[in-house]
Every structure is written in structure tokens, then in C-alpha cells.
N, C-alpha and C. Protein backbone atom coordinates (compact mmCIF):
# COMPACT_ATOMS: atom_id res chain seq x y z
N UNK A 1 -107.70 -92.93 46.38
CA UNK A 1 -107.28 -91.56 46.16
C UNK A 1 -108.40 -90.62 46.60
N UNK A 2 -108.36 -90.22 47.81
CA UNK A 2 -109.39 -89.34 48.33
C UNK A 2 -108.79 -88.03 48.81
N UNK A 3 -109.66 -87.04 48.91
CA UNK A 3 -109.19 -85.75 49.39
C UNK A 3 -108.82 -85.84 50.86
N UNK A 4 -107.81 -85.05 51.24
CA UNK A 4 -107.43 -84.97 52.63
C UNK A 4 -106.30 -85.92 53.03
N UNK A 5 -105.97 -86.86 52.20
CA UNK A 5 -104.89 -87.78 52.51
C UNK A 5 -103.72 -87.51 51.57
N UNK A 6 -102.52 -87.40 52.13
CA UNK A 6 -101.36 -87.15 51.30
C UNK A 6 -100.97 -88.44 50.60
N UNK A 7 -101.06 -88.44 49.27
CA UNK A 7 -100.75 -89.62 48.47
C UNK A 7 -99.45 -89.39 47.71
N UNK A 8 -98.65 -90.43 47.63
CA UNK A 8 -97.45 -90.41 46.80
C UNK A 8 -97.75 -91.25 45.57
N UNK A 9 -97.65 -90.64 44.40
CA UNK A 9 -98.03 -91.30 43.16
C UNK A 9 -96.84 -91.33 42.22
N UNK A 10 -96.56 -92.51 41.67
CA UNK A 10 -95.49 -92.67 40.68
C UNK A 10 -96.12 -92.68 39.30
N UNK A 11 -95.57 -91.87 38.41
CA UNK A 11 -96.06 -91.81 37.03
C UNK A 11 -94.93 -92.21 36.09
N UNK A 12 -95.10 -93.28 35.30
CA UNK A 12 -94.05 -93.70 34.37
C UNK A 12 -93.91 -92.69 33.23
N UNK A 13 -92.70 -92.24 33.00
CA UNK A 13 -92.43 -91.22 31.98
C UNK A 13 -91.92 -91.86 30.70
N UNK A 14 -92.28 -91.26 29.58
CA UNK A 14 -91.78 -91.68 28.27
C UNK A 14 -91.13 -90.48 27.60
N UNK A 15 -89.96 -90.70 27.01
CA UNK A 15 -89.26 -89.64 26.29
C UNK A 15 -88.32 -88.82 27.16
N UNK A 16 -88.28 -89.10 28.45
CA UNK A 16 -87.38 -88.39 29.36
C UNK A 16 -86.11 -89.24 29.46
N UNK A 17 -85.12 -88.92 28.60
CA UNK A 17 -83.94 -89.79 28.51
C UNK A 17 -82.63 -89.08 28.80
N UNK A 18 -82.71 -87.88 29.38
CA UNK A 18 -81.49 -87.17 29.75
C UNK A 18 -81.76 -86.31 30.98
N UNK A 19 -80.69 -85.88 31.61
CA UNK A 19 -80.82 -85.02 32.79
C UNK A 19 -81.52 -83.71 32.42
N UNK A 20 -81.26 -83.21 31.22
CA UNK A 20 -81.88 -81.97 30.76
C UNK A 20 -83.41 -82.15 30.67
N UNK A 21 -83.85 -83.28 30.08
CA UNK A 21 -85.28 -83.57 29.98
C UNK A 21 -85.90 -83.68 31.37
N UNK A 22 -85.21 -84.34 32.29
CA UNK A 22 -85.71 -84.51 33.65
C UNK A 22 -85.88 -83.15 34.33
N UNK A 23 -84.95 -82.24 34.11
CA UNK A 23 -85.05 -80.91 34.70
C UNK A 23 -86.24 -80.14 34.13
N UNK A 24 -86.50 -80.30 32.85
CA UNK A 24 -87.65 -79.64 32.23
C UNK A 24 -88.95 -80.14 32.86
N UNK A 25 -89.07 -81.46 33.01
CA UNK A 25 -90.27 -82.04 33.62
C UNK A 25 -90.38 -81.59 35.08
N UNK A 26 -89.27 -81.60 35.80
CA UNK A 26 -89.27 -81.18 37.20
C UNK A 26 -89.77 -79.74 37.33
N UNK A 27 -89.29 -78.87 36.47
CA UNK A 27 -89.72 -77.47 36.50
C UNK A 27 -91.19 -77.35 36.15
N UNK A 28 -91.65 -78.14 35.19
CA UNK A 28 -93.07 -78.13 34.82
C UNK A 28 -93.96 -78.58 35.96
N UNK A 29 -93.54 -79.62 36.67
CA UNK A 29 -94.34 -80.11 37.80
C UNK A 29 -94.39 -79.11 38.94
N UNK A 30 -93.36 -78.30 39.07
CA UNK A 30 -93.34 -77.31 40.15
C UNK A 30 -94.43 -76.25 39.98
N UNK A 31 -94.98 -76.14 38.77
CA UNK A 31 -96.02 -75.14 38.50
C UNK A 31 -97.43 -75.68 38.65
N UNK A 32 -97.57 -76.99 38.91
CA UNK A 32 -98.90 -77.60 39.04
C UNK A 32 -99.41 -77.39 40.46
N UNK A 33 -100.52 -76.68 40.58
CA UNK A 33 -101.12 -76.43 41.89
C UNK A 33 -101.64 -77.72 42.48
N UNK A 34 -101.38 -77.92 43.76
CA UNK A 34 -101.87 -79.09 44.45
C UNK A 34 -100.79 -80.13 44.69
N UNK A 35 -99.65 -80.01 44.01
CA UNK A 35 -98.53 -80.92 44.26
C UNK A 35 -97.75 -80.38 45.44
N UNK A 36 -97.65 -81.17 46.50
CA UNK A 36 -96.96 -80.72 47.71
C UNK A 36 -95.47 -81.02 47.66
N UNK A 37 -95.07 -82.04 46.88
CA UNK A 37 -93.66 -82.38 46.69
C UNK A 37 -93.57 -83.21 45.42
N UNK A 38 -92.42 -83.14 44.76
CA UNK A 38 -92.24 -83.93 43.54
C UNK A 38 -90.76 -84.17 43.28
N UNK A 39 -90.50 -85.23 42.51
CA UNK A 39 -89.14 -85.49 42.05
C UNK A 39 -89.24 -86.31 40.77
N UNK A 40 -88.25 -86.13 39.91
CA UNK A 40 -88.17 -86.89 38.67
C UNK A 40 -86.99 -87.83 38.81
N UNK A 41 -87.27 -89.12 38.69
CA UNK A 41 -86.23 -90.14 38.81
C UNK A 41 -85.85 -90.60 37.41
N UNK A 42 -84.78 -90.02 36.88
CA UNK A 42 -84.34 -90.33 35.52
C UNK A 42 -83.99 -91.81 35.38
N UNK A 43 -83.29 -92.36 36.36
CA UNK A 43 -82.86 -93.76 36.27
C UNK A 43 -84.03 -94.74 36.32
N UNK A 44 -85.16 -94.33 36.90
CA UNK A 44 -86.36 -95.18 36.96
C UNK A 44 -87.42 -94.76 35.93
N UNK A 45 -87.12 -93.73 35.16
CA UNK A 45 -88.07 -93.20 34.15
C UNK A 45 -89.44 -92.94 34.75
N UNK A 46 -89.46 -92.21 35.88
CA UNK A 46 -90.74 -91.90 36.48
C UNK A 46 -90.67 -90.57 37.22
N UNK A 47 -91.86 -90.02 37.42
CA UNK A 47 -92.02 -88.84 38.26
C UNK A 47 -92.81 -89.28 39.48
N UNK A 48 -92.42 -88.82 40.64
CA UNK A 48 -93.13 -89.13 41.87
C UNK A 48 -93.67 -87.81 42.42
N UNK A 49 -94.99 -87.75 42.60
CA UNK A 49 -95.60 -86.54 43.14
C UNK A 49 -96.32 -86.88 44.43
N UNK A 50 -96.35 -85.92 45.34
CA UNK A 50 -97.14 -86.02 46.57
C UNK A 50 -98.24 -84.97 46.47
N UNK A 51 -99.46 -85.37 46.82
CA UNK A 51 -100.59 -84.47 46.76
C UNK A 51 -101.65 -84.87 47.77
N UNK A 52 -102.45 -83.91 48.17
CA UNK A 52 -103.57 -84.17 49.06
C UNK A 52 -104.85 -84.47 48.28
N UNK A 53 -104.83 -84.23 46.97
CA UNK A 53 -106.03 -84.39 46.14
C UNK A 53 -105.65 -85.06 44.82
N UNK A 54 -105.36 -86.35 44.86
CA UNK A 54 -104.88 -87.07 43.68
C UNK A 54 -105.87 -87.04 42.53
N UNK A 55 -107.15 -87.13 42.83
CA UNK A 55 -108.16 -87.18 41.76
C UNK A 55 -108.12 -85.91 40.92
N UNK A 56 -107.88 -84.78 41.53
CA UNK A 56 -107.84 -83.51 40.81
C UNK A 56 -106.45 -83.22 40.25
N UNK A 57 -105.41 -83.58 40.97
CA UNK A 57 -104.05 -83.16 40.61
C UNK A 57 -103.39 -84.05 39.56
N UNK A 58 -103.61 -85.36 39.61
CA UNK A 58 -102.94 -86.27 38.68
C UNK A 58 -103.23 -85.91 37.21
N UNK A 59 -104.49 -85.67 36.82
CA UNK A 59 -104.71 -85.27 35.43
C UNK A 59 -103.99 -83.97 35.05
N UNK A 60 -103.90 -83.03 36.00
CA UNK A 60 -103.19 -81.78 35.73
C UNK A 60 -101.69 -82.03 35.55
N UNK A 61 -101.14 -82.93 36.36
CA UNK A 61 -99.72 -83.26 36.25
C UNK A 61 -99.43 -83.95 34.92
N UNK A 62 -100.30 -84.89 34.53
CA UNK A 62 -100.13 -85.58 33.24
C UNK A 62 -100.20 -84.58 32.10
N UNK A 63 -101.17 -83.66 32.15
CA UNK A 63 -101.30 -82.65 31.10
C UNK A 63 -100.06 -81.76 31.05
N UNK A 64 -99.54 -81.37 32.20
CA UNK A 64 -98.34 -80.52 32.24
C UNK A 64 -97.16 -81.23 31.58
N UNK A 65 -97.00 -82.52 31.88
CA UNK A 65 -95.89 -83.29 31.29
C UNK A 65 -96.08 -83.41 29.78
N UNK A 66 -97.30 -83.71 29.35
CA UNK A 66 -97.56 -83.85 27.90
C UNK A 66 -97.42 -82.52 27.18
N UNK A 67 -97.80 -81.42 27.82
CA UNK A 67 -97.64 -80.10 27.21
C UNK A 67 -96.16 -79.75 27.00
N UNK A 68 -95.28 -80.37 27.78
CA UNK A 68 -93.83 -80.14 27.63
C UNK A 68 -93.23 -80.98 26.51
N UNK A 69 -94.02 -81.89 25.94
CA UNK A 69 -93.54 -82.72 24.84
C UNK A 69 -93.11 -84.12 25.27
N UNK A 70 -93.39 -84.48 26.50
CA UNK A 70 -93.07 -85.81 27.00
C UNK A 70 -94.38 -86.55 27.22
N UNK A 71 -94.31 -87.79 27.67
CA UNK A 71 -95.54 -88.53 27.85
C UNK A 71 -95.53 -89.31 29.16
N UNK A 72 -96.72 -89.68 29.58
CA UNK A 72 -96.91 -90.51 30.76
C UNK A 72 -97.63 -91.76 30.29
N UNK A 73 -97.06 -92.91 30.56
CA UNK A 73 -97.70 -94.16 30.16
C UNK A 73 -98.97 -94.34 30.97
N UNK A 74 -100.06 -94.61 30.29
CA UNK A 74 -101.34 -94.81 30.96
C UNK A 74 -101.91 -96.16 30.54
N UNK A 75 -102.82 -96.65 31.35
CA UNK A 75 -103.47 -97.93 31.09
C UNK A 75 -104.96 -97.71 31.07
N UNK A 76 -105.62 -98.23 30.06
CA UNK A 76 -107.08 -98.18 30.03
C UNK A 76 -107.59 -99.56 30.41
N UNK A 77 -108.60 -99.59 31.23
CA UNK A 77 -109.19 -100.85 31.66
C UNK A 77 -110.64 -100.88 31.23
N UNK A 78 -111.09 -102.04 30.82
CA UNK A 78 -112.50 -102.26 30.49
C UNK A 78 -113.08 -103.23 31.50
N UNK A 79 -114.29 -102.94 31.92
CA UNK A 79 -114.98 -103.80 32.86
C UNK A 79 -116.28 -104.26 32.23
N UNK A 80 -116.57 -105.54 32.31
CA UNK A 80 -117.83 -106.03 31.74
C UNK A 80 -119.02 -105.54 32.56
N UNK A 81 -120.10 -105.28 31.87
CA UNK A 81 -121.33 -104.88 32.54
C UNK A 81 -122.25 -106.09 32.55
N UNK A 82 -122.63 -106.51 33.73
CA UNK A 82 -123.48 -107.69 33.87
C UNK A 82 -124.89 -107.26 34.20
N UNK A 83 -125.86 -107.93 33.60
CA UNK A 83 -127.27 -107.63 33.87
C UNK A 83 -127.81 -108.57 34.91
């Protein structure tokens, strides 16, 4: 995810279980600066965004979705530190 390359990112959605909810999320994503295109796939429970700056835009998109009362499934990874 580097600047200057258009990336398509799928974000798994939680709590988006109707067309009305999908429209709310879609409208919320339209206000996030840096997203060049987006769509909410209700049947796949995900949002797909296109951006040139994923590192900066993805956290903003996640925050926008969470601020609307929905959630994005995230994964935390731990890496061992070797000496």
C-alpha cells in the first residue's frame, strides 16, 4: 500500500444487514477524502474502496463507518521479536 498507486481494498462490514444500512455506509464513504471510487456490497457484507493513498485513507474510511454505528472487522497480528 504505497502512495501513487490506485489500490482496491475490501473491508468486511459488520452490522450492515439491510439495503438501508448499505446506503448509509455508501453515503458516509462518499465524504471521505482520498477515496476515488467506492461501493458497498450488501450480499458480500463488505465495502470496496479505491484510493491512491491506502495508508492514509483506510483508517479514515474505517472511522467513518464506525462513526455511523457500523463496524469493520479487523485483525491484529503479533510478531515475535528475536535477539
